[in-house]
């Protein structure tokens, strides 16, 4: 998944959460929800209750944030490998393995 697609997915989930809470424009929310279902290839969202759908969206957003943090941490550690403190049993400088 390209970075732009990932950012779009994060924005879409956040929009759906906000729209889910406000419910001002149901037609727009329904269209966005259907498009989101297609994007993630998960067709059961419409069948969920209000509370189940909200919990799913919050969990999905939390998962995306965790993935985003892992990507950022990976980039940081690759750029500065000395910032990682290895446990004594997994010291990469120990060549006994």
N, C-alpha and C. Protein backbone atom coordinates (compact mmCIF):
# COMPACT_ATOMS: atom_id res chain seq x y z
N UNK A 1 0.84 -1.16 0.00
CA UNK A 1 0.00 0.00 0.00
C UNK A 1 0.89 1.23 0.00
N UNK A 2 0.67 2.12 -0.94
CA UNK A 2 1.47 3.33 -1.04
C UNK A 2 1.13 4.27 0.11
N UNK A 3 2.06 5.18 0.38
CA UNK A 3 1.88 6.10 1.49
C UNK A 3 0.62 6.94 1.31
N UNK A 4 0.37 7.42 0.09
CA UNK A 4 -0.81 8.22 -0.15
C UNK A 4 -2.09 7.44 0.12
N UNK A 5 -2.12 6.17 -0.25
CA UNK A 5 -3.29 5.33 0.00
C UNK A 5 -3.50 5.13 1.50
N UNK A 6 -2.41 4.95 2.23
CA UNK A 6 -2.49 4.78 3.68
C UNK A 6 -3.03 6.04 4.34
N UNK A 7 -2.53 7.19 3.93
CA UNK A 7 -3.01 8.45 4.49
C UNK A 7 -4.48 8.67 4.15
N UNK A 8 -4.88 8.31 2.94
CA UNK A 8 -6.29 8.44 2.54
C UNK A 8 -7.16 7.53 3.40
N UNK A 9 -6.70 6.33 3.64
CA UNK A 9 -7.46 5.39 4.47
C UNK A 9 -7.62 5.94 5.89
N UNK A 10 -6.55 6.50 6.45
CA UNK A 10 -6.64 7.10 7.79
C UNK A 10 -7.64 8.25 7.80
N UNK A 11 -7.59 9.10 6.78
CA UNK A 11 -8.52 10.22 6.70
C UNK A 11 -9.96 9.75 6.55
N UNK A 12 -10.16 8.72 5.72
CA UNK A 12 -11.51 8.18 5.50
C UNK A 12 -12.10 7.62 6.79
N UNK A 13 -11.31 6.88 7.53
CA UNK A 13 -11.80 6.30 8.79
C UNK A 13 -12.14 7.41 9.79
N UNK A 14 -11.27 8.40 9.87
CA UNK A 14 -11.54 9.51 10.78
C UNK A 14 -12.82 10.25 10.38
N UNK A 15 -13.00 10.47 9.09
CA UNK A 15 -14.21 11.13 8.60
C UNK A 15 -15.45 10.32 8.98
N UNK A 16 -15.39 9.00 8.78
CA UNK A 16 -16.53 8.16 9.09
C UNK A 16 -16.87 8.19 10.58
N UNK A 17 -15.86 8.24 11.42
CA UNK A 17 -16.10 8.31 12.87
C UNK A 17 -16.81 9.61 13.22
N UNK A 18 -16.31 10.71 12.67
CA UNK A 18 -16.93 12.01 12.94
C UNK A 18 -18.35 12.05 12.38
N UNK A 19 -18.52 11.57 11.15
CA UNK A 19 -19.85 11.56 10.53
C UNK A 19 -20.79 10.63 11.29
N UNK A 20 -20.27 9.54 11.80
CA UNK A 20 -21.08 8.59 12.56
C UNK A 20 -21.62 9.24 13.83
N UNK A 21 -20.81 10.07 14.45
CA UNK A 21 -21.22 10.74 15.68
C UNK A 21 -22.23 11.85 15.41
N UNK A 22 -22.06 12.57 14.32
CA UNK A 22 -22.90 13.74 14.06
C UNK A 22 -24.17 13.38 13.28
N UNK A 23 -24.07 12.47 12.35
CA UNK A 23 -25.22 12.02 11.55
C UNK A 23 -26.00 13.17 10.93
N UNK A 24 -25.35 14.20 10.47
CA UNK A 24 -26.06 15.33 9.88
C UNK A 24 -26.48 15.02 8.44
N UNK A 25 -25.60 14.45 7.68
CA UNK A 25 -25.90 14.18 6.27
C UNK A 25 -25.84 12.67 6.06
N UNK A 26 -26.96 12.00 6.24
CA UNK A 26 -26.99 10.54 6.15
C UNK A 26 -26.63 10.03 4.76
N UNK A 27 -27.04 10.73 3.71
CA UNK A 27 -26.74 10.28 2.36
C UNK A 27 -25.23 10.28 2.12
N UNK A 28 -24.59 11.34 2.54
CA UNK A 28 -23.13 11.43 2.36
C UNK A 28 -22.42 10.37 3.21
N UNK A 29 -22.91 10.16 4.42
CA UNK A 29 -22.33 9.15 5.30
C UNK A 29 -22.48 7.75 4.70
N UNK A 30 -23.67 7.45 4.18
CA UNK A 30 -23.90 6.14 3.57
C UNK A 30 -23.01 5.89 2.36
N UNK A 31 -22.85 6.92 1.53
CA UNK A 31 -21.96 6.78 0.37
C UNK A 31 -20.52 6.55 0.81
N UNK A 32 -20.09 7.32 1.80
CA UNK A 32 -18.71 7.18 2.30
C UNK A 32 -18.51 5.80 2.91
N UNK A 33 -19.51 5.31 3.62
CA UNK A 33 -19.42 3.99 4.24
C UNK A 33 -19.34 2.89 3.19
N UNK A 34 -20.15 2.99 2.13
CA UNK A 34 -20.11 2.00 1.05
C UNK A 34 -18.75 2.02 0.35
N UNK A 35 -18.22 3.21 0.10
CA UNK A 35 -16.91 3.31 -0.54
C UNK A 35 -15.83 2.72 0.36
N UNK A 36 -15.92 2.99 1.65
CA UNK A 36 -14.96 2.45 2.60
C UNK A 36 -15.01 0.92 2.61
N UNK A 37 -16.23 0.36 2.59
CA UNK A 37 -16.38 -1.10 2.53
C UNK A 37 -15.68 -1.67 1.31
N UNK A 38 -15.82 -1.01 0.17
CA UNK A 38 -15.15 -1.47 -1.05
C UNK A 38 -13.64 -1.34 -0.92
N UNK A 39 -13.19 -0.23 -0.35
CA UNK A 39 -11.75 0.01 -0.22
C UNK A 39 -11.06 -1.05 0.63
N UNK A 40 -11.72 -1.46 1.71
CA UNK A 40 -11.09 -2.44 2.60
C UNK A 40 -11.55 -3.86 2.32
N UNK A 41 -12.46 -4.00 1.36
CA UNK A 41 -12.96 -5.32 0.95
C UNK A 41 -13.57 -6.08 2.13
N UNK A 42 -14.45 -5.39 2.84
CA UNK A 42 -15.13 -5.97 3.99
C UNK A 42 -16.59 -5.57 3.92
N UNK A 43 -17.46 -6.46 3.52
CA UNK A 43 -18.83 -6.13 3.22
C UNK A 43 -19.82 -6.24 4.35
N UNK A 44 -19.37 -6.42 5.58
CA UNK A 44 -20.30 -6.64 6.69
C UNK A 44 -20.60 -5.40 7.51
N UNK A 45 -20.06 -4.26 7.14
CA UNK A 45 -20.23 -3.06 7.96
C UNK A 45 -21.69 -2.61 7.98
N UNK A 46 -22.35 -2.66 6.84
CA UNK A 46 -23.74 -2.21 6.78
C UNK A 46 -24.66 -3.08 7.63
N UNK A 47 -24.29 -4.33 7.85
CA UNK A 47 -25.11 -5.26 8.62
C UNK A 47 -24.96 -5.04 10.13
N UNK A 48 -23.97 -4.29 10.53
CA UNK A 48 -23.70 -4.08 11.95
C UNK A 48 -24.68 -3.09 12.56
N UNK A 49 -24.87 -3.21 13.85
CA UNK A 49 -25.69 -2.23 14.57
C UNK A 49 -24.90 -0.93 14.68
N UNK A 50 -25.59 0.10 15.15
CA UNK A 50 -24.95 1.40 15.33
C UNK A 50 -23.72 1.29 16.23
N UNK A 51 -23.86 0.64 17.37
CA UNK A 51 -22.75 0.52 18.32
C UNK A 51 -21.63 -0.37 17.77
N UNK A 52 -21.98 -1.45 17.08
CA UNK A 52 -20.96 -2.34 16.50
C UNK A 52 -20.17 -1.61 15.43
N UNK A 53 -20.86 -0.83 14.61
CA UNK A 53 -20.19 -0.08 13.55
C UNK A 53 -19.23 0.94 14.14
N UNK A 54 -19.67 1.64 15.18
CA UNK A 54 -18.82 2.64 15.82
C UNK A 54 -17.59 1.98 16.44
N UNK A 55 -17.78 0.86 17.12
CA UNK A 55 -16.65 0.14 17.72
C UNK A 55 -15.69 -0.35 16.65
N UNK A 56 -16.23 -0.84 15.54
CA UNK A 56 -15.38 -1.29 14.43
C UNK A 56 -14.53 -0.14 13.90
N UNK A 57 -15.16 1.02 13.67
CA UNK A 57 -14.43 2.17 13.13
C UNK A 57 -13.35 2.65 14.11
N UNK A 58 -13.68 2.68 15.40
CA UNK A 58 -12.68 3.09 16.39
C UNK A 58 -11.51 2.11 16.44
N UNK A 59 -11.83 0.82 16.40
CA UNK A 59 -10.77 -0.20 16.39
C UNK A 59 -9.92 -0.13 15.14
N UNK A 60 -10.57 0.11 14.01
CA UNK A 60 -9.83 0.22 12.75
C UNK A 60 -8.90 1.42 12.78
N UNK A 61 -9.40 2.54 13.31
CA UNK A 61 -8.56 3.73 13.41
C UNK A 61 -7.38 3.48 14.34
N UNK A 62 -7.62 2.82 15.45
CA UNK A 62 -6.53 2.51 16.40
C UNK A 62 -5.49 1.61 15.73
N UNK A 63 -5.95 0.66 14.95
CA UNK A 63 -5.02 -0.23 14.24
C UNK A 63 -4.18 0.54 13.24
N UNK A 64 -4.80 1.46 12.52
CA UNK A 64 -4.06 2.28 11.55
C UNK A 64 -3.03 3.15 12.25
N UNK A 65 -3.38 3.68 13.42
CA UNK A 65 -2.42 4.49 14.18
C UNK A 65 -1.25 3.63 14.65
N UNK A 66 -1.53 2.41 15.06
CA UNK A 66 -0.45 1.51 15.49
C UNK A 66 0.47 1.18 14.33
N UNK A 67 -0.10 0.94 13.16
CA UNK A 67 0.70 0.67 11.96
C UNK A 67 1.54 1.89 11.62
N UNK A 68 0.94 3.06 11.67
CA UNK A 68 1.65 4.30 11.37
C UNK A 68 2.82 4.50 12.34
N UNK A 69 2.58 4.26 13.63
CA UNK A 69 3.65 4.38 14.63
C UNK A 69 4.77 3.37 14.38
N UNK A 70 4.41 2.15 13.98
CA UNK A 70 5.42 1.13 13.69
C UNK A 70 6.27 1.54 12.49
N UNK A 71 5.63 2.11 11.48
CA UNK A 71 6.37 2.57 10.29
C UNK A 71 7.34 3.68 10.68
N UNK A 72 6.85 4.64 11.47
CA UNK A 72 7.72 5.75 11.90
C UNK A 72 8.87 5.26 12.78
N UNK A 73 8.58 4.33 13.69
CA UNK A 73 9.63 3.79 14.55
C UNK A 73 10.67 3.02 13.75
N UNK A 74 10.22 2.29 12.75
CA UNK A 74 11.13 1.55 11.90
C UNK A 74 12.06 2.49 11.15
N UNK A 75 11.51 3.56 10.64
CA UNK A 75 12.33 4.55 9.92
C UNK A 75 13.34 5.19 10.86
N UNK A 76 12.89 5.50 12.09
CA UNK A 76 13.80 6.11 13.06
C UNK A 76 14.93 5.16 13.44
N UNK A 77 14.59 3.91 13.67
CA UNK A 77 15.61 2.96 14.11
C UNK A 77 16.58 2.61 12.97
N UNK A 78 16.11 2.63 11.74
CA UNK A 78 17.02 2.38 10.61
C UNK A 78 17.98 3.54 10.45
N UNK A 79 17.49 4.75 10.73
CA UNK A 79 18.34 5.93 10.61
C UNK A 79 19.31 6.07 11.76
N UNK A 80 19.00 5.48 12.91
CA UNK A 80 19.85 5.59 14.08
C UNK A 80 19.81 4.28 14.86
N UNK A 81 20.55 3.27 14.42
CA UNK A 81 20.47 1.96 15.07
C UNK A 81 20.99 1.97 16.51
N UNK A 82 21.77 2.97 16.89
CA UNK A 82 22.29 3.03 18.26
C UNK A 82 21.21 3.39 19.28
N UNK A 83 20.06 3.87 18.81
CA UNK A 83 19.00 4.26 19.75
C UNK A 83 18.29 3.05 20.34
N UNK A 84 18.50 1.89 19.75
CA UNK A 84 17.87 0.67 20.25
C UNK A 84 18.76 0.06 21.31
N UNK A 85 18.20 -0.18 22.46
CA UNK A 85 18.94 -0.82 23.53
C UNK A 85 18.61 -2.31 23.52
N UNK A 86 19.56 -3.11 23.14
CA UNK A 86 19.34 -4.55 23.02
C UNK A 86 19.47 -5.22 24.38
N UNK A 87 18.62 -6.19 24.66
CA UNK A 87 18.80 -6.96 25.89
C UNK A 87 20.09 -7.77 25.80
N UNK A 88 20.66 -8.10 26.92
CA UNK A 88 21.95 -8.80 26.92
C UNK A 88 21.90 -10.12 26.16
N UNK A 89 20.78 -10.84 26.24
CA UNK A 89 20.69 -12.14 25.57
C UNK A 89 20.53 -12.00 24.06
N UNK A 90 20.18 -10.80 23.55
CA UNK A 90 19.97 -10.63 22.11
C UNK A 90 20.92 -9.57 21.54
N UNK A 91 22.08 -9.47 22.13
CA UNK A 91 23.06 -8.49 21.68
C UNK A 91 23.50 -8.82 20.25
N UNK A 92 23.28 -7.91 19.29
CA UNK A 92 23.66 -8.20 17.90
C UNK A 92 25.17 -8.25 17.69
N UNK A 93 25.94 -7.74 18.65
CA UNK A 93 27.39 -7.78 18.52
C UNK A 93 27.98 -9.09 19.05
N UNK A 94 27.15 -9.91 19.65
CA UNK A 94 27.58 -11.21 20.15
C UNK A 94 27.47 -12.22 19.02
N UNK A 95 28.59 -12.74 18.56
CA UNK A 95 28.59 -13.61 17.38
C UNK A 95 28.52 -15.09 17.72
N UNK A 96 27.99 -15.44 18.87
CA UNK A 96 27.88 -16.84 19.25
C UNK A 96 26.78 -17.55 18.49
N UNK A 97 25.90 -16.84 17.86
CA UNK A 97 24.74 -17.46 17.22
C UNK A 97 25.13 -18.21 15.99
